[in-house]
Amino acid sequence: MLNIYFGEMPEAIYNTNVYFNNTYKDNWIIRPLTRDIQSFPDLP
């Protein structure tokens, strides 16, 4: 469901790109499964 709010909201995320680039946890990138998935070349 879409909710629309007007006005300032301190808890709102206005720039999703910056938010997601700065909130991931580093431990997911060092997992063996993640490294295995990243080692596969892109399929055509």
N, C-alpha and C. Protein backbone atom coordinates (compact mmCIF):
# COMPACT_ATOMS: atom_id res chain seq x y z
N MET A 1 0.84 -1.17 0.00
CA MET A 1 0.00 0.00 0.00
C MET A 1 0.89 1.23 0.00
N LEU A 2 0.51 2.20 -0.75
CA LEU A 2 1.25 3.45 -0.83
C LEU A 2 0.70 4.44 0.18
N ASN A 3 1.58 4.99 0.99
CA ASN A 3 1.20 6.03 1.94
C ASN A 3 1.94 7.30 1.56
N ILE A 4 1.24 8.41 1.53
CA ILE A 4 1.84 9.69 1.20
C ILE A 4 1.72 10.61 2.41
N TYR A 5 2.85 11.15 2.83
CA TYR A 5 2.88 12.06 3.97
C TYR A 5 3.41 13.40 3.49
N PHE A 6 2.84 14.47 3.98
CA PHE A 6 3.29 15.81 3.65
C PHE A 6 3.97 16.42 4.87
N GLY A 7 5.03 17.19 4.62
CA GLY A 7 5.74 17.85 5.70
C GLY A 7 7.03 17.14 6.05
N GLU A 8 7.73 17.69 7.00
CA GLU A 8 9.00 17.14 7.45
C GLU A 8 8.78 15.89 8.30
N MET A 9 9.60 14.89 8.07
CA MET A 9 9.56 13.66 8.87
C MET A 9 11.00 13.28 9.19
N PRO A 10 11.43 13.42 10.43
CA PRO A 10 12.82 13.12 10.78
C PRO A 10 13.20 11.66 10.50
N GLU A 11 12.26 10.74 10.60
CA GLU A 11 12.58 9.33 10.39
C GLU A 11 12.50 8.91 8.93
N ALA A 12 12.14 9.81 8.04
CA ALA A 12 12.00 9.48 6.62
C ALA A 12 13.36 9.43 5.93
N ILE A 13 13.43 8.60 4.90
CA ILE A 13 14.63 8.48 4.08
C ILE A 13 14.36 9.22 2.78
N TYR A 14 15.09 10.30 2.56
CA TYR A 14 14.87 11.11 1.38
C TYR A 14 15.79 10.73 0.23
N ASN A 15 16.99 10.31 0.53
CA ASN A 15 17.94 9.93 -0.51
C ASN A 15 18.24 8.44 -0.35
N THR A 16 17.48 7.59 -1.02
CA THR A 16 17.61 6.15 -0.83
C THR A 16 18.97 5.63 -1.29
N ASN A 17 19.55 6.24 -2.30
CA ASN A 17 20.85 5.79 -2.77
C ASN A 17 21.91 5.93 -1.67
N VAL A 18 21.97 7.07 -1.05
CA VAL A 18 22.94 7.30 0.03
C VAL A 18 22.63 6.38 1.22
N TYR A 19 21.37 6.24 1.54
CA TYR A 19 20.99 5.39 2.67
C TYR A 19 21.47 3.96 2.48
N PHE A 20 21.17 3.36 1.35
CA PHE A 20 21.54 1.97 1.14
C PHE A 20 23.03 1.78 0.92
N ASN A 21 23.71 2.78 0.39
CA ASN A 21 25.16 2.68 0.23
C ASN A 21 25.88 2.76 1.56
N ASN A 22 25.26 3.33 2.57
CA ASN A 22 25.93 3.53 3.85
C ASN A 22 25.38 2.68 4.99
N THR A 23 24.44 1.79 4.74
CA THR A 23 23.86 1.03 5.85
C THR A 23 24.03 -0.48 5.73
N TYR A 24 24.69 -0.97 4.69
CA TYR A 24 24.88 -2.41 4.60
C TYR A 24 25.90 -2.87 5.63
N LYS A 25 25.83 -4.12 5.99
CA LYS A 25 26.78 -4.68 6.94
C LYS A 25 27.92 -5.33 6.17
N ASP A 26 29.14 -5.10 6.61
CA ASP A 26 30.31 -5.63 5.90
C ASP A 26 30.40 -7.15 5.92
N ASN A 27 29.80 -7.79 6.92
CA ASN A 27 30.00 -9.24 7.04
C ASN A 27 29.37 -10.03 5.90
N TRP A 28 28.38 -9.48 5.19
CA TRP A 28 27.77 -10.24 4.10
C TRP A 28 28.74 -10.42 2.94
N ILE A 29 29.64 -9.48 2.75
CA ILE A 29 30.54 -9.52 1.61
C ILE A 29 31.67 -10.54 1.80
N ILE A 30 31.97 -10.91 3.03
CA ILE A 30 33.08 -11.83 3.27
C ILE A 30 32.63 -13.28 3.47
N ARG A 31 31.35 -13.54 3.36
CA ARG A 31 30.86 -14.90 3.48
C ARG A 31 31.32 -15.72 2.28
N PRO A 32 31.65 -16.99 2.49
CA PRO A 32 32.08 -17.84 1.38
C PRO A 32 31.05 -17.93 0.26
N LEU A 33 29.76 -18.02 0.60
CA LEU A 33 28.73 -18.10 -0.44
C LEU A 33 28.73 -16.85 -1.30
N THR A 34 28.86 -15.69 -0.68
CA THR A 34 28.86 -14.44 -1.44
C THR A 34 30.06 -14.38 -2.37
N ARG A 35 31.21 -14.79 -1.89
CA ARG A 35 32.40 -14.79 -2.73
C ARG A 35 32.24 -15.76 -3.90
N ASP A 36 31.63 -16.92 -3.65
CA ASP A 36 31.40 -17.88 -4.73
C ASP A 36 30.46 -17.31 -5.78
N ILE A 37 29.40 -16.67 -5.34
CA ILE A 37 28.45 -16.08 -6.29
C ILE A 37 29.11 -14.99 -7.11
N GLN A 38 29.96 -14.19 -6.49
CA GLN A 38 30.61 -13.10 -7.20
C GLN A 38 31.67 -13.60 -8.16
N SER A 39 32.16 -14.81 -7.96
CA SER A 39 33.22 -15.32 -8.83
C SER A 39 32.66 -15.85 -10.16
N PHE A 40 31.36 -16.09 -10.24
CA PHE A 40 30.76 -16.54 -11.50
C PHE A 40 30.67 -15.37 -12.47
N PRO A 41 31.06 -15.60 -13.73
CA PRO A 41 30.91 -14.51 -14.72
C PRO A 41 29.43 -14.30 -15.05
N ASP A 42 29.13 -13.13 -15.52
CA ASP A 42 27.75 -12.84 -15.94
C ASP A 42 27.39 -13.72 -17.13
N LEU A 43 26.20 -14.25 -17.10
CA LEU A 43 25.76 -15.09 -18.20
C LEU A 43 25.17 -14.20 -19.29
N PRO A 44 25.39 -14.56 -20.56
CA PRO A 44 24.85 -13.73 -21.65
C PRO A 44 23.36 -13.82 -21.74
